[in-house]
């Protein structure tokens, strides 16, 4: 069992589970996880490979983790209505998955709850630009943080280089003084030895 999990994590085996995920109820082809107060954090990470129908309706899901449905070859429909979907960058996988579905009419009630300008919109019909426009502030903040961190790091490196240069010059002067003092002492000691 542990080797199967390891191989799944490494990508050698599809991420599926032969058992019914907690807290869902299962039959051979149906996995019912509706009304379980599920969030993205406690959503099952895998479903049974025989699952044809998955009920995830009326939970607290704001997005679906990337690749969650990809290895379920028998999957025909996922009931997703009644969740507070946040149509930000994290919804891109769900949108893409919905667009690949044969019968999109099953998903017309899967709608954005936020952000405000996308509220009520059907997720399957959102354009990528509409979703990405909600992500740009995050990318800008990340870029600003990265640039600020880089500037601070470069500043400290510059200060460190200046300290090293000053120390090396001081060390060079001290070494020169030691050599000159040693030579002077050697010259003073030579006449007294000769007498």
C-alpha atoms as a PDB file:
ATOM      1  CA  UNK A   1       0.000   0.000   0.000  1.00  0.00           C
ATOM      2  CA  UNK A   2       2.769   2.463   0.920  1.00  0.00           C
ATOM      3  CA  UNK A   3       4.640   1.750  -2.319  1.00  0.00           C
ATOM      4  CA  UNK A   4       1.454   2.525  -4.277  1.00  0.00           C
ATOM      5  CA  UNK A   5       1.160   5.907  -2.569  1.00  0.00           C
ATOM      6  CA  UNK A   6       4.827   6.629  -3.235  1.00  0.00           C
ATOM      7  CA  UNK A   7       4.474   5.664  -6.903  1.00  0.00           C
ATOM      8  CA  UNK A   8       1.341   7.822  -7.179  1.00  0.00           C
ATOM      9  CA  UNK A   9       3.188  10.790  -5.717  1.00  0.00           C
ATOM     10  CA  UNK A  10       6.031  10.241  -8.158  1.00  0.00           C
ATOM     11  CA  UNK A  11       3.534  10.207 -11.025  1.00  0.00           C
ATOM     12  CA  UNK A  12       3.941   6.547 -12.008  1.00  0.00           C
ATOM     13  CA  UNK A  13       0.426   5.534 -11.041  1.00  0.00           C
ATOM     14  CA  UNK A  14      -2.792   7.502 -11.421  1.00  0.00           C
ATOM     15  CA  UNK A  15      -3.900   9.140  -8.194  1.00  0.00           C
ATOM     16  CA  UNK A  16      -6.988   7.086  -7.366  1.00  0.00           C
ATOM     17  CA  UNK A  17      -8.059   5.190  -4.298  1.00  0.00           C
ATOM     18  CA  UNK A  18      -9.797   1.787  -4.263  1.00  0.00           C
ATOM     19  CA  UNK A  19     -11.687   2.715  -1.096  1.00  0.00           C
ATOM     20  CA  UNK A  20     -14.420   5.238  -0.501  1.00  0.00           C
ATOM     21  CA  UNK A  21     -12.859   8.541   0.599  1.00  0.00           C
ATOM     22  CA  UNK A  22     -13.797   9.862   4.016  1.00  0.00           C
ATOM     23  CA  UNK A  23     -16.415  11.411   4.679  1.00  0.00           C
ATOM     24  CA  UNK A  24     -18.196  10.329   1.488  1.00  0.00           C
ATOM     25  CA  UNK A  25     -20.653   7.487   0.898  1.00  0.00           C
ATOM     26  CA  UNK A  26     -20.011   5.216  -2.068  1.00  0.00           C
ATOM     27  CA  UNK A  27     -21.511   2.568  -4.281  1.00  0.00           C
ATOM     28  CA  UNK A  28     -19.618   0.933  -7.126  1.00  0.00           C
ATOM     29  CA  UNK A  29     -20.105   3.869  -9.479  1.00  0.00           C
ATOM     30  CA  UNK A  30     -21.346   6.742  -7.284  1.00  0.00           C
ATOM     31  CA  UNK A  31     -19.366   8.759  -4.758  1.00  0.00           C
ATOM     32  CA  UNK A  32     -21.568  11.066  -2.693  1.00  0.00           C
ATOM     33  CA  UNK A  33     -19.691  13.807  -0.839  1.00  0.00           C
ATOM     34  CA  UNK A  34     -22.500  16.364  -0.916  1.00  0.00           C
ATOM     35  CA  UNK A  35     -23.544  18.281   2.191  1.00  0.00           C
ATOM     36  CA  UNK A  36     -20.341  17.332   4.052  1.00  0.00           C
ATOM     37  CA  UNK A  37     -19.145  20.901   4.690  1.00  0.00           C
ATOM     38  CA  UNK A  38     -16.065  20.175   2.555  1.00  0.00           C
ATOM     39  CA  UNK A  39     -13.535  22.872   1.755  1.00  0.00           C
ATOM     40  CA  UNK A  40     -10.539  22.762  -0.576  1.00  0.00           C
ATOM     41  CA  UNK A  41      -8.400  21.842   2.444  1.00  0.00           C
ATOM     42  CA  UNK A  42     -10.435  18.776   3.494  1.00  0.00           C
ATOM     43  CA  UNK A  43     -11.668  17.642   0.075  1.00  0.00           C
ATOM     44  CA  UNK A  44     -10.626  14.039  -0.677  1.00  0.00           C
ATOM     45  CA  UNK A  45      -7.378  13.993  -2.656  1.00  0.00           C
ATOM     46  CA  UNK A  46      -8.474  10.989  -4.727  1.00  0.00           C
ATOM     47  CA  UNK A  47     -11.614   9.118  -5.741  1.00  0.00           C
ATOM     48  CA  UNK A  48     -12.333   5.495  -6.658  1.00  0.00           C
ATOM     49  CA  UNK A  49     -11.321   4.671 -10.244  1.00  0.00           C
ATOM     50  CA  UNK A  50     -14.767   3.160 -10.874  1.00  0.00           C
ATOM     51  CA  UNK A  51     -16.525   6.432 -10.002  1.00  0.00           C
ATOM     52  CA  UNK A  52     -18.918   7.481 -12.752  1.00  0.00           C
ATOM     53  CA  UNK A  53     -20.809  10.068 -10.712  1.00  0.00           C
ATOM     54  CA  UNK A  54     -19.359  12.272  -7.973  1.00  0.00           C
ATOM     55  CA  UNK A  55     -21.568  14.486  -5.822  1.00  0.00           C
ATOM     56  CA  UNK A  56     -19.721  17.510  -4.403  1.00  0.00           C
ATOM     57  CA  UNK A  57     -22.772  19.768  -4.223  1.00  0.00           C
ATOM     58  CA  UNK A  58     -23.617  22.080  -1.337  1.00  0.00           C
ATOM     59  CA  UNK A  59     -20.268  22.167   0.395  1.00  0.00           C
ATOM     60  CA  UNK A  60     -17.937  25.119   0.972  1.00  0.00           C
ATOM     61  CA  UNK A  61     -15.673  24.530  -2.028  1.00  0.00           C
ATOM     62  CA  UNK A  62     -14.103  27.645  -3.529  1.00  0.00           C
ATOM     63  CA  UNK A  63     -12.017  25.773  -6.115  1.00  0.00           C
ATOM     64  CA  UNK A  64     -10.970  22.260  -7.140  1.00  0.00           C
ATOM     65  CA  UNK A  65      -7.336  21.135  -6.781  1.00  0.00           C
ATOM     66  CA  UNK A  66      -5.468  20.783 -10.072  1.00  0.00           C
ATOM     67  CA  UNK A  67      -5.776  17.327 -11.617  1.00  0.00           C
ATOM     68  CA  UNK A  68      -8.381  15.971  -9.171  1.00  0.00           C
ATOM     69  CA  UNK A  69     -10.602  14.490 -11.914  1.00  0.00           C
ATOM     70  CA  UNK A  70      -7.932  13.790 -14.546  1.00  0.00           C
ATOM     71  CA  UNK A  71      -7.278  10.105 -13.775  1.00  0.00           C
ATOM     72  CA  UNK A  72     -10.915   9.080 -13.417  1.00  0.00           C
ATOM     73  CA  UNK A  73     -11.504   7.430 -16.804  1.00  0.00           C
ATOM     74  CA  UNK A  74     -15.069   6.279 -16.000  1.00  0.00           C
ATOM     75  CA  UNK A  75     -16.206   9.678 -14.734  1.00  0.00           C
ATOM     76  CA  UNK A  76     -19.344  10.939 -16.469  1.00  0.00           C
ATOM     77  CA  UNK A  77     -20.633  13.759 -14.279  1.00  0.00           C
ATOM     78  CA  UNK A  78     -19.693  15.725 -11.167  1.00  0.00           C
ATOM     79  CA  UNK A  79     -22.415  17.626  -9.327  1.00  0.00           C
ATOM     80  CA  UNK A  80     -20.882  20.904  -8.173  1.00  0.00           C
ATOM     81  CA  UNK A  81     -23.805  23.277  -7.556  1.00  0.00           C
ATOM     82  CA  UNK A  82     -24.307  25.146  -4.310  1.00  0.00           C
ATOM     83  CA  UNK A  83     -20.653  25.912  -3.595  1.00  0.00           C
ATOM     84  CA  UNK A  84     -19.235  29.437  -3.110  1.00  0.00           C
ATOM     85  CA  UNK A  85     -16.844  29.344  -6.093  1.00  0.00           C
ATOM     86  CA  UNK A  86     -14.145  32.025  -6.040  1.00  0.00           C
ATOM     87  CA  UNK A  87     -13.360  32.844  -9.661  1.00  0.00           C
ATOM     88  CA  UNK A  88      -9.717  33.745  -9.170  1.00  0.00           C
ATOM     89  CA  UNK A  89      -6.549  32.043 -10.406  1.00  0.00           C
ATOM     90  CA  UNK A  90      -7.394  28.893  -8.424  1.00  0.00           C
ATOM     91  CA  UNK A  91     -10.529  28.270 -10.525  1.00  0.00           C
ATOM     92  CA  UNK A  92      -8.597  27.825 -13.808  1.00  0.00           C
ATOM     93  CA  UNK A  93      -8.422  24.012 -13.485  1.00  0.00           C
ATOM     94  CA  UNK A  94     -12.173  23.678 -12.823  1.00  0.00           C
ATOM     95  CA  UNK A  95     -12.982  26.020 -15.722  1.00  0.00           C
ATOM     96  CA  UNK A  96     -10.747  24.021 -18.047  1.00  0.00           C
ATOM     97  CA  UNK A  97     -12.251  20.712 -16.893  1.00  0.00           C
ATOM     98  CA  UNK A  98     -15.795  22.047 -17.362  1.00  0.00           C
ATOM     99  CA  UNK A  99     -14.984  23.212 -20.882  1.00  0.00           C
ATOM    100  CA  UNK A 100     -13.876  19.689 -21.824  1.00  0.00           C
ATOM    101  CA  UNK A 101     -17.191  18.177 -20.732  1.00  0.00           C
ATOM    102  CA  UNK A 102     -19.539  16.927 -23.457  1.00  0.00           C
ATOM    103  CA  UNK A 103     -22.722  18.139 -21.785  1.00  0.00           C
ATOM    104  CA  UNK A 104     -22.042  21.619 -20.422  1.00  0.00           C
ATOM    105  CA  UNK A 105     -25.732  22.129 -19.705  1.00  0.00           C
ATOM    106  CA  UNK A 106     -25.216  20.000 -16.569  1.00  0.00           C
ATOM    107  CA  UNK A 107     -22.929  22.730 -15.233  1.00  0.00           C
ATOM    108  CA  UNK A 108     -24.954  25.904 -15.828  1.00  0.00           C
ATOM    109  CA  UNK A 109     -25.580  26.213 -12.091  1.00  0.00           C
ATOM    110  CA  UNK A 110     -21.841  26.174 -11.285  1.00  0.00           C
ATOM    111  CA  UNK A 111     -21.406  29.923 -10.898  1.00  0.00           C
ATOM    112  CA  UNK A 112     -18.969  32.402  -9.395  1.00  0.00           C
ATOM    113  CA  UNK A 113     -19.718  33.758  -5.931  1.00  0.00           C
ATOM    114  CA  UNK A 114     -16.781  36.156  -6.024  1.00  0.00           C
ATOM    115  CA  UNK A 115     -15.134  38.460  -7.007  1.00  0.00           C
ATOM    116  CA  UNK A 116     -18.016  40.894  -7.278  1.00  0.00           C
ATOM    117  CA  UNK A 117     -17.615  41.674 -11.007  1.00  0.00           C
ATOM    118  CA  UNK A 118     -17.894  37.934 -11.867  1.00  0.00           C
ATOM    119  CA  UNK A 119     -20.620  37.072  -9.344  1.00  0.00           C
ATOM    120  CA  UNK A 120     -23.350  34.900 -10.910  1.00  0.00           C
ATOM    121  CA  UNK A 121     -21.349  34.103 -14.052  1.00  0.00           C
ATOM    122  CA  UNK A 122     -21.215  30.481 -15.266  1.00  0.00           C
ATOM    123  CA  UNK A 123     -17.658  29.241 -14.679  1.00  0.00           C
ATOM    124  CA  UNK A 124     -17.510  27.139 -17.861  1.00  0.00           C
ATOM    125  CA  UNK A 125     -18.172  30.249 -19.968  1.00  0.00           C
ATOM    126  CA  UNK A 126     -15.636  32.572 -18.352  1.00  0.00           C
ATOM    127  CA  UNK A 127     -12.742  33.622 -20.547  1.00  0.00           C
ATOM    128  CA  UNK A 128      -9.237  33.012 -19.340  1.00  0.00           C
ATOM    129  CA  UNK A 129      -8.586  36.769 -19.488  1.00  0.00           C
ATOM    130  CA  UNK A 130     -11.485  37.449 -17.110  1.00  0.00           C
ATOM    131  CA  UNK A 131     -10.020  35.069 -14.557  1.00  0.00           C
ATOM    132  CA  UNK A 132      -6.416  36.140 -15.035  1.00  0.00           C
ATOM    133  CA  UNK A 133      -7.412  39.786 -14.583  1.00  0.00           C
ATOM    134  CA  UNK A 134      -8.253  38.882 -10.975  1.00  0.00           C
ATOM    135  CA  UNK A 135      -4.776  37.398 -10.535  1.00  0.00           C
ATOM    136  CA  UNK A 136      -2.681  40.312 -11.734  1.00  0.00           C
ATOM    137  CA  UNK A 137      -2.644  42.141  -8.413  1.00  0.00           C
ATOM    138  CA  UNK A 138      -1.151  39.011  -6.883  1.00  0.00           C
ATOM    139  CA  UNK A 139       1.531  38.805  -9.579  1.00  0.00           C
ATOM    140  CA  UNK A 140       2.292  42.522  -9.205  1.00  0.00           C
ATOM    141  CA  UNK A 141       2.582  42.158  -5.438  1.00  0.00           C
ATOM    142  CA  UNK A 142       4.869  39.165  -5.876  1.00  0.00           C
ATOM    143  CA  UNK A 143       7.009  41.036  -8.410  1.00  0.00           C
ATOM    144  CA  UNK A 144       7.206  44.083  -6.132  1.00  0.00           C
ATOM    145  CA  UNK A 145       8.132  41.920  -3.137  1.00  0.00           C
ATOM    146  CA  UNK A 146      10.780  40.093  -5.189  1.00  0.00           C
ATOM    147  CA  UNK A 147      12.292  43.322  -6.473  1.00  0.00           C
ATOM    148  CA  UNK A 148      12.284  44.879  -3.012  1.00  0.00           C
ATOM    149  CA  UNK A 149      13.932  41.764  -1.541  1.00  0.00           C
ATOM    150  CA  UNK A 150      16.524  41.796  -4.311  1.00  0.00           C
ATOM    151  CA  UNK A 151      17.252  45.502  -3.718  1.00  0.00           C
ATOM    152  CA  UNK A 152      17.696  44.932   0.035  1.00  0.00           C
ATOM    153  CA  UNK A 153      19.929  41.921  -0.609  1.00  0.00           C
ATOM    154  CA  UNK A 154      22.061  43.894  -3.082  1.00  0.00           C
ATOM    155  CA  UNK A 155      22.289  46.801  -0.633  1.00  0.00           C
ATOM    156  CA  UNK A 156      23.574  44.515   2.139  1.00  0.00           C
ATOM    157  CA  UNK A 157      25.991  42.854  -0.262  1.00  0.00           C
ATOM    158  CA  UNK A 158      27.304  46.297  -1.255  1.00  0.00           C
ATOM    159  CA  UNK A 159      27.769  47.252   2.398  1.00  0.00           C
ATOM    160  CA  UNK A 160      29.523  43.930   3.011  1.00  0.00           C
ATOM    161  CA  UNK A 161      31.880  44.512   0.056  1.00  0.00           C
ATOM    162  CA  UNK A 162      32.712  47.998   1.380  1.00  0.00           C
ATOM    163  CA  UNK A 163      33.494  46.548   4.832  1.00  0.00           C
ATOM    164  CA  UNK A 164      35.700  43.883   3.268  1.00  0.00           C
ATOM    165  CA  UNK A 165      37.594  46.480   1.204  1.00  0.00           C
ATOM    166  CA  UNK A 166      38.095  48.727   4.253  1.00  0.00           C
ATOM    167  CA  UNK A 167      39.227  45.742   6.334  1.00  0.00           C
ATOM    168  CA  UNK A 168      41.662  44.581   3.640  1.00  0.00           C
ATOM    169  CA  UNK A 169      43.167  48.081   3.348  1.00  0.00           C
ATOM    170  CA  UNK A 170      43.505  48.262   7.123  1.00  0.00           C
ATOM    171  CA  UNK A 171      45.050  44.779   7.145  1.00  0.00           C
ATOM    172  CA  UNK A 172      47.469  45.790   4.366  1.00  0.00           C
ATOM    173  CA  UNK A 173      48.547  48.894   6.345  1.00  0.00           C
ATOM    174  CA  UNK A 174      48.962  46.848   9.513  1.00  0.00           C
ATOM    175  CA  UNK A 175      50.987  44.246   7.619  1.00  0.00           C
ATOM    176  CA  UNK A 176      53.170  46.987   6.114  1.00  0.00           C
ATOM    177  CA  UNK A 177      53.706  48.468   9.608  1.00  0.00           C
ATOM    178  CA  UNK A 178      54.607  45.057  11.011  1.00  0.00           C
ATOM    179  CA  UNK A 179      57.124  44.500   8.196  1.00  0.00           C
ATOM    180  CA  UNK A 180      58.645  47.949   8.598  1.00  0.00           C
ATOM    181  CA  UNK A 181      58.829  47.523  12.392  1.00  0.00           C
ATOM    182  CA  UNK A 182      60.370  44.075  11.976  1.00  0.00           C
ATOM    183  CA  UNK A 183      62.972  45.434   9.535  1.00  0.00           C
ATOM    184  CA  UNK A 184      63.731  48.363  11.829  1.00  0.00           C
ATOM    185  CA  UNK A 185      64.187  46.007  14.769  1.00  0.00           C
ATOM    186  CA  UNK A 186      66.359  43.729  12.636  1.00  0.00           C
ATOM    187  CA  UNK A 187      68.528  46.708  11.601  1.00  0.00           C
ATOM    188  CA  UNK A 188      68.842  47.864  15.212  1.00  0.00           C
ATOM    189  CA  UNK A 189      69.668  44.366  16.399  1.00  0.00           C
ATOM    190  CA  UNK A 190      72.410  43.783  13.765  1.00  0.00           C
ATOM    191  CA  UNK A 191      74.870  46.461  14.975  1.00  0.00           C
ATOM    192  CA  UNK A 192      74.575  45.299  18.567  1.00  0.00           C
ATOM    193  CA  UNK A 193      75.291  41.720  17.490  1.00  0.00           C
ATOM    194  CA  UNK A 194      78.343  42.793  15.496  1.00  0.00           C
ATOM    195  CA  UNK A 195      79.925  44.599  18.486  1.00  0.00           C
END
